[in-house]
Amino acid sequence: MNVILFLIPLALLMSLIGLGAFIWSLRSGQYDDLEGEALRILEDDDDKPLADR
């Protein structure tokens, strides 16, 4: 029973930390351009040709 008195405040603290991290990510613009980042990996922007093997 004493463990519950430790785990409930710990769970609340961890959830507040997670909520704070989520709000920080929203305010810092992490979710502004989802499609641009997803399409960037598809671009072939190799400027240098591969060396002859």
C-alpha atoms as a PDB file:
ATOM      1  CA  MET A   1       0.000   0.000   0.000  1.00  0.00           C
ATOM      2  CA  ASN A   2       2.904   2.352   0.626  1.00  0.00           C
ATOM      3  CA  VAL A   3       4.047   1.838  -2.951  1.00  0.00           C
ATOM      4  CA  ILE A   4       0.852   3.460  -4.245  1.00  0.00           C
ATOM      5  CA  LEU A   5       1.659   6.601  -2.282  1.00  0.00           C
ATOM      6  CA  PHE A   6       4.917   6.762  -4.229  1.00  0.00           C
ATOM      7  CA  LEU A   7       3.647   5.692  -7.664  1.00  0.00           C
ATOM      8  CA  ILE A   8       0.646   8.018  -8.000  1.00  0.00           C
ATOM      9  CA  PRO A   9       2.660  11.257  -7.553  1.00  0.00           C
ATOM     10  CA  LEU A  10       5.384   9.836  -9.790  1.00  0.00           C
ATOM     11  CA  ALA A  11       2.838   9.063 -12.516  1.00  0.00           C
ATOM     12  CA  LEU A  12       1.353  12.547 -12.215  1.00  0.00           C
ATOM     13  CA  LEU A  13       4.782  14.133 -12.421  1.00  0.00           C
ATOM     14  CA  MET A  14       5.717  12.097 -15.500  1.00  0.00           C
ATOM     15  CA  SER A  15       2.440  12.986 -17.215  1.00  0.00           C
ATOM     16  CA  LEU A  16       3.000  16.687 -16.512  1.00  0.00           C
ATOM     17  CA  ILE A  17       6.509  16.441 -17.953  1.00  0.00           C
ATOM     18  CA  GLY A  18       5.115  14.743 -21.074  1.00  0.00           C
ATOM     19  CA  LEU A  19       2.401  17.361 -21.447  1.00  0.00           C
ATOM     20  CA  GLY A  20       4.958  20.129 -21.034  1.00  0.00           C
ATOM     21  CA  ALA A  21       7.190  18.575 -23.709  1.00  0.00           C
ATOM     22  CA  PHE A  22       4.215  18.310 -26.082  1.00  0.00           C
ATOM     23  CA  ILE A  23       3.194  21.931 -25.539  1.00  0.00           C
ATOM     24  CA  TRP A  24       6.807  23.032 -26.022  1.00  0.00           C
ATOM     25  CA  SER A  25       6.973  21.122 -29.321  1.00  0.00           C
ATOM     26  CA  LEU A  26       3.774  22.787 -30.514  1.00  0.00           C
ATOM     27  CA  ARG A  27       5.024  26.266 -29.670  1.00  0.00           C
ATOM     28  CA  SER A  28       8.444  25.731 -31.225  1.00  0.00           C
ATOM     29  CA  GLY A  29       6.951  24.783 -34.601  1.00  0.00           C
ATOM     30  CA  GLN A  30       7.760  21.089 -34.729  1.00  0.00           C
ATOM     31  CA  TYR A  31       4.482  20.303 -36.545  1.00  0.00           C
ATOM     32  CA  ASP A  32       4.353  23.217 -38.979  1.00  0.00           C
ATOM     33  CA  ASP A  33       5.369  21.526 -42.246  1.00  0.00           C
ATOM     34  CA  LEU A  34       4.655  17.807 -42.120  1.00  0.00           C
ATOM     35  CA  GLU A  35       4.472  17.225 -45.878  1.00  0.00           C
ATOM     36  CA  GLY A  36       7.706  19.060 -46.700  1.00  0.00           C
ATOM     37  CA  GLU A  37       9.730  16.930 -44.309  1.00  0.00           C
ATOM     38  CA  ALA A  38       8.093  13.746 -45.571  1.00  0.00           C
ATOM     39  CA  LEU A  39       8.908  14.537 -49.201  1.00  0.00           C
ATOM     40  CA  ARG A  40      12.478  15.662 -48.534  1.00  0.00           C
ATOM     41  CA  ILE A  41      13.702  12.083 -48.194  1.00  0.00           C
ATOM     42  CA  LEU A  42      12.465  11.311 -51.708  1.00  0.00           C
ATOM     43  CA  GLU A  43      14.569  14.022 -53.357  1.00  0.00           C
ATOM     44  CA  ASP A  44      17.725  12.906 -55.085  1.00  0.00           C
ATOM     45  CA  ASP A  45      20.154  15.701 -54.352  1.00  0.00           C
ATOM     46  CA  ASP A  46      23.474  13.955 -54.870  1.00  0.00           C
ATOM     47  CA  ASP A  47      25.700  16.622 -56.380  1.00  0.00           C
ATOM     48  CA  LYS A  48      28.797  14.466 -56.754  1.00  0.00           C
ATOM     49  CA  PRO A  49      28.820  11.422 -59.040  1.00  0.00           C
ATOM     50  CA  LEU A  50      29.823   8.144 -57.474  1.00  0.00           C
ATOM     51  CA  ALA A  51      33.476   7.160 -57.882  1.00  0.00           C
ATOM     52  CA  ASP A  52      34.259   4.522 -60.488  1.00  0.00           C
ATOM     53  CA  ARG A  53      34.430   1.080 -58.959  1.00  0.00           C
END
